[in-house]
Amino acid sequence: MTNKPYSKKELAQKIKNQKNFILIQAIMVILMIILAVLTTLEKGISFLTFLPLFFIPMLFVMFFELKKLKKQISEKHE
């Protein structure tokens, strides 16, 4: 399978989708952090305390992927 380059329109759509995914992921992580704090205060340390730590790296990966897509579209502009 060959790796064909994306057109500007496809890159723009991928950037738009990636921004939406990052927003949704960020909201989920914030809610998990709030839930973790409340659960820790009420019941002590549990699995929910550390659950956000597993999702934060995914948020960073998505953010760096967005930066890479933006770089690709700026290179196509030149």
N, C-alpha and C. Protein backbone atom coordinates (compact mmCIF):
# COMPACT_ATOMS: atom_id res chain seq x y z
N MET A 1 0.84 -1.17 0.00
CA MET A 1 0.00 0.00 0.00
C MET A 1 0.89 1.24 0.00
N THR A 2 0.66 2.14 -0.94
CA THR A 2 1.49 3.34 -1.03
C THR A 2 0.94 4.42 -0.12
N ASN A 3 1.81 5.31 0.26
CA ASN A 3 1.45 6.39 1.14
C ASN A 3 1.35 7.67 0.33
N LYS A 4 0.17 7.94 -0.24
CA LYS A 4 0.01 9.11 -1.10
C LYS A 4 -0.13 10.37 -0.26
N PRO A 5 0.40 11.48 -0.75
CA PRO A 5 0.27 12.74 0.00
C PRO A 5 -1.17 13.26 -0.07
N TYR A 6 -1.56 13.94 0.99
CA TYR A 6 -2.90 14.50 1.05
C TYR A 6 -2.97 15.82 0.29
N SER A 7 -4.14 16.14 -0.23
CA SER A 7 -4.34 17.44 -0.86
C SER A 7 -4.57 18.48 0.23
N LYS A 8 -4.56 19.76 -0.16
CA LYS A 8 -4.79 20.83 0.82
C LYS A 8 -6.16 20.69 1.46
N LYS A 9 -7.15 20.34 0.64
CA LYS A 9 -8.52 20.19 1.16
C LYS A 9 -8.60 19.05 2.17
N GLU A 10 -7.94 17.94 1.86
CA GLU A 10 -7.93 16.80 2.78
C GLU A 10 -7.19 17.14 4.08
N LEU A 11 -6.09 17.87 3.96
CA LEU A 11 -5.35 18.29 5.15
C LEU A 11 -6.19 19.23 6.01
N ALA A 12 -6.89 20.16 5.37
CA ALA A 12 -7.74 21.09 6.11
C ALA A 12 -8.83 20.33 6.87
N GLN A 13 -9.41 19.33 6.23
CA GLN A 13 -10.45 18.52 6.88
C GLN A 13 -9.86 17.71 8.04
N LYS A 14 -8.67 17.16 7.84
CA LYS A 14 -8.01 16.40 8.92
C LYS A 14 -7.69 17.31 10.10
N ILE A 15 -7.26 18.55 9.83
CA ILE A 15 -6.97 19.50 10.90
C ILE A 15 -8.24 19.83 11.67
N LYS A 16 -9.33 20.06 10.95
CA LYS A 16 -10.61 20.37 11.60
C LYS A 16 -11.04 19.21 12.49
N ASN A 17 -10.95 17.98 11.97
CA ASN A 17 -11.32 16.81 12.77
C ASN A 17 -10.42 16.66 13.98
N GLN A 18 -9.13 16.87 13.79
CA GLN A 18 -8.17 16.72 14.88
C GLN A 18 -8.45 17.73 15.99
N LYS A 19 -8.80 18.97 15.62
CA LYS A 19 -9.14 19.99 16.62
C LYS A 19 -10.35 19.56 17.43
N ASN A 20 -11.36 19.02 16.74
CA ASN A 20 -12.56 18.55 17.44
C ASN A 20 -12.23 17.41 18.39
N PHE A 21 -11.40 16.47 17.93
CA PHE A 21 -11.02 15.34 18.78
C PHE A 21 -10.23 15.81 20.00
N ILE A 22 -9.35 16.79 19.80
CA ILE A 22 -8.57 17.32 20.92
C ILE A 22 -9.48 17.98 21.94
N LEU A 23 -10.46 18.75 21.46
CA LEU A 23 -11.39 19.41 22.36
C LEU A 23 -12.18 18.39 23.18
N ILE A 24 -12.69 17.37 22.52
CA ILE A 24 -13.45 16.33 23.21
C ILE A 24 -12.56 15.61 24.22
N GLN A 25 -11.36 15.27 23.81
CA GLN A 25 -10.42 14.56 24.70
C GLN A 25 -10.07 15.44 25.91
N ALA A 26 -9.85 16.73 25.69
CA ALA A 26 -9.51 17.64 26.79
C ALA A 26 -10.66 17.74 27.78
N ILE A 27 -11.88 17.83 27.29
CA ILE A 27 -13.04 17.89 28.18
C ILE A 27 -13.14 16.60 28.99
N MET A 28 -12.92 15.47 28.34
CA MET A 28 -12.97 14.19 29.05
C MET A 28 -11.90 14.11 30.14
N VAL A 29 -10.70 14.57 29.83
CA VAL A 29 -9.62 14.53 30.82
C VAL A 29 -9.93 15.44 31.99
N ILE A 30 -10.47 16.63 31.72
CA ILE A 30 -10.83 17.55 32.80
C ILE A 30 -11.91 16.94 33.69
N LEU A 31 -12.92 16.32 33.07
CA LEU A 31 -13.96 15.66 33.86
C LEU A 31 -13.39 14.50 34.68
N MET A 32 -12.47 13.75 34.10
CA MET A 32 -11.84 12.64 34.84
C MET A 32 -11.02 13.16 36.01
N ILE A 33 -10.34 14.29 35.82
CA ILE A 33 -9.55 14.87 36.91
C ILE A 33 -10.47 15.30 38.04
N ILE A 34 -11.58 15.95 37.69
CA ILE A 34 -12.54 16.38 38.71
C ILE A 34 -13.10 15.16 39.45
N LEU A 35 -13.48 14.13 38.70
CA LEU A 35 -13.99 12.91 39.31
C LEU A 35 -12.93 12.25 40.19
N ALA A 36 -11.70 12.24 39.74
CA ALA A 36 -10.61 11.63 40.52
C ALA A 36 -10.40 12.36 41.84
N VAL A 37 -10.43 13.69 41.79
CA VAL A 37 -10.24 14.47 43.01
C VAL A 37 -11.39 14.22 43.98
N LEU A 38 -12.62 14.26 43.48
CA LEU A 38 -13.77 14.04 44.35
C LEU A 38 -13.77 12.63 44.94
N THR A 39 -13.46 11.64 44.12
CA THR A 39 -13.42 10.26 44.60
C THR A 39 -12.30 10.06 45.61
N THR A 40 -11.16 10.68 45.37
CA THR A 40 -10.03 10.56 46.30
C THR A 40 -10.37 11.20 47.64
N LEU A 41 -11.04 12.35 47.61
CA LEU A 41 -11.41 13.00 48.86
C LEU A 41 -12.44 12.18 49.63
N GLU A 42 -13.34 11.52 48.91
CA GLU A 42 -14.42 10.78 49.56
C GLU A 42 -13.99 9.38 50.01
N LYS A 43 -13.28 8.65 49.14
CA LYS A 43 -12.98 7.25 49.42
C LYS A 43 -11.50 6.94 49.56
N GLY A 44 -10.65 7.90 49.32
CA GLY A 44 -9.22 7.66 49.37
C GLY A 44 -8.69 7.28 47.98
N ILE A 45 -7.44 6.93 47.93
CA ILE A 45 -6.78 6.63 46.66
C ILE A 45 -7.34 5.33 46.08
N SER A 46 -7.68 5.40 44.79
CA SER A 46 -8.20 4.22 44.08
C SER A 46 -7.73 4.29 42.63
N PHE A 47 -8.24 3.38 41.82
CA PHE A 47 -7.90 3.38 40.40
C PHE A 47 -8.33 4.68 39.73
N LEU A 48 -9.48 5.23 40.13
CA LEU A 48 -9.97 6.48 39.53
C LEU A 48 -9.03 7.65 39.78
N THR A 49 -8.24 7.56 40.83
CA THR A 49 -7.28 8.62 41.12
C THR A 49 -6.26 8.75 39.99
N PHE A 50 -5.86 7.61 39.44
CA PHE A 50 -4.80 7.60 38.44
C PHE A 50 -5.31 7.50 37.01
N LEU A 51 -6.60 7.34 36.82
CA LEU A 51 -7.17 7.18 35.47
C LEU A 51 -6.81 8.33 34.53
N PRO A 52 -6.89 9.60 34.95
CA PRO A 52 -6.52 10.68 34.02
C PRO A 52 -5.08 10.60 33.53
N LEU A 53 -4.20 10.01 34.33
CA LEU A 53 -2.79 9.92 33.93
C LEU A 53 -2.60 9.05 32.70
N PHE A 54 -3.53 8.13 32.45
CA PHE A 54 -3.43 7.27 31.27
C PHE A 54 -3.91 7.98 30.01
N PHE A 55 -4.76 8.99 30.17
CA PHE A 55 -5.34 9.67 29.01
C PHE A 55 -4.61 10.95 28.64
N ILE A 56 -3.88 11.54 29.56
CA ILE A 56 -3.15 12.77 29.27
C ILE A 56 -2.10 12.57 28.17
N PRO A 57 -1.33 11.48 28.17
CA PRO A 57 -0.37 11.29 27.06
C PRO A 57 -1.05 11.21 25.69
N MET A 58 -2.23 10.62 25.64
CA MET A 58 -2.96 10.55 24.36
C MET A 58 -3.32 11.95 23.88
N LEU A 59 -3.65 12.83 24.82
CA LEU A 59 -3.97 14.21 24.47
C LEU A 59 -2.75 14.90 23.87
N PHE A 60 -1.57 14.67 24.45
CA PHE A 60 -0.35 15.26 23.91
C PHE A 60 -0.03 14.71 22.52
N VAL A 61 -0.23 13.42 22.32
CA VAL A 61 0.02 12.82 21.01
C VAL A 61 -0.90 13.45 19.97
N MET A 62 -2.16 13.64 20.32
CA MET A 62 -3.11 14.26 19.38
C MET A 62 -2.70 15.70 19.07
N PHE A 63 -2.21 16.42 20.10
CA PHE A 63 -1.78 17.80 19.90
C PHE A 63 -0.57 17.88 18.97
N PHE A 64 0.40 16.99 19.17
CA PHE A 64 1.59 16.99 18.31
C PHE A 64 1.24 16.57 16.88
N GLU A 65 0.27 15.69 16.74
CA GLU A 65 -0.20 15.30 15.41
C GLU A 65 -0.84 16.50 14.70
N LEU A 66 -1.58 17.31 15.45
CA LEU A 66 -2.18 18.52 14.89
C LEU A 66 -1.09 19.48 14.42
N LYS A 67 -0.05 19.65 15.23
CA LYS A 67 1.05 20.53 14.82
C LYS A 67 1.71 20.02 13.55
N LYS A 68 1.86 18.70 13.44
CA LYS A 68 2.47 18.12 12.25
C LYS A 68 1.59 18.36 11.02
N LEU A 69 0.28 18.24 11.18
CA LEU A 69 -0.63 18.50 10.06
C LEU A 69 -0.58 19.96 9.63
N LYS A 70 -0.52 20.86 10.61
CA LYS A 70 -0.43 22.29 10.29
C LYS A 70 0.87 22.59 9.55
N LYS A 71 1.94 21.93 9.96
CA LYS A 71 3.22 22.12 9.28
C LYS A 71 3.13 21.64 7.83
N GLN A 72 2.48 20.51 7.61
CA GLN A 72 2.32 19.98 6.26
C GLN A 72 1.53 20.94 5.38
N ILE A 73 0.46 21.51 5.92
CA ILE A 73 -0.35 22.41 5.11
C ILE A 73 0.40 23.71 4.84
N SER A 74 1.23 24.16 5.79
CA SER A 74 2.01 25.38 5.53
C SER A 74 3.09 25.12 4.48
N GLU A 75 3.63 23.90 4.45
CA GLU A 75 4.61 23.55 3.42
C GLU A 75 3.96 23.48 2.04
N LYS A 76 2.71 23.09 1.99
CA LYS A 76 2.00 23.03 0.70
C LYS A 76 1.67 24.43 0.19
N HIS A 77 1.54 25.39 1.12
CA HIS A 77 1.25 26.77 0.72
C HIS A 77 2.43 27.41 0.00
N GLU A 78 3.61 26.97 0.35
CA GLU A 78 4.82 27.59 -0.22
C GLU A 78 5.06 27.17 -1.64
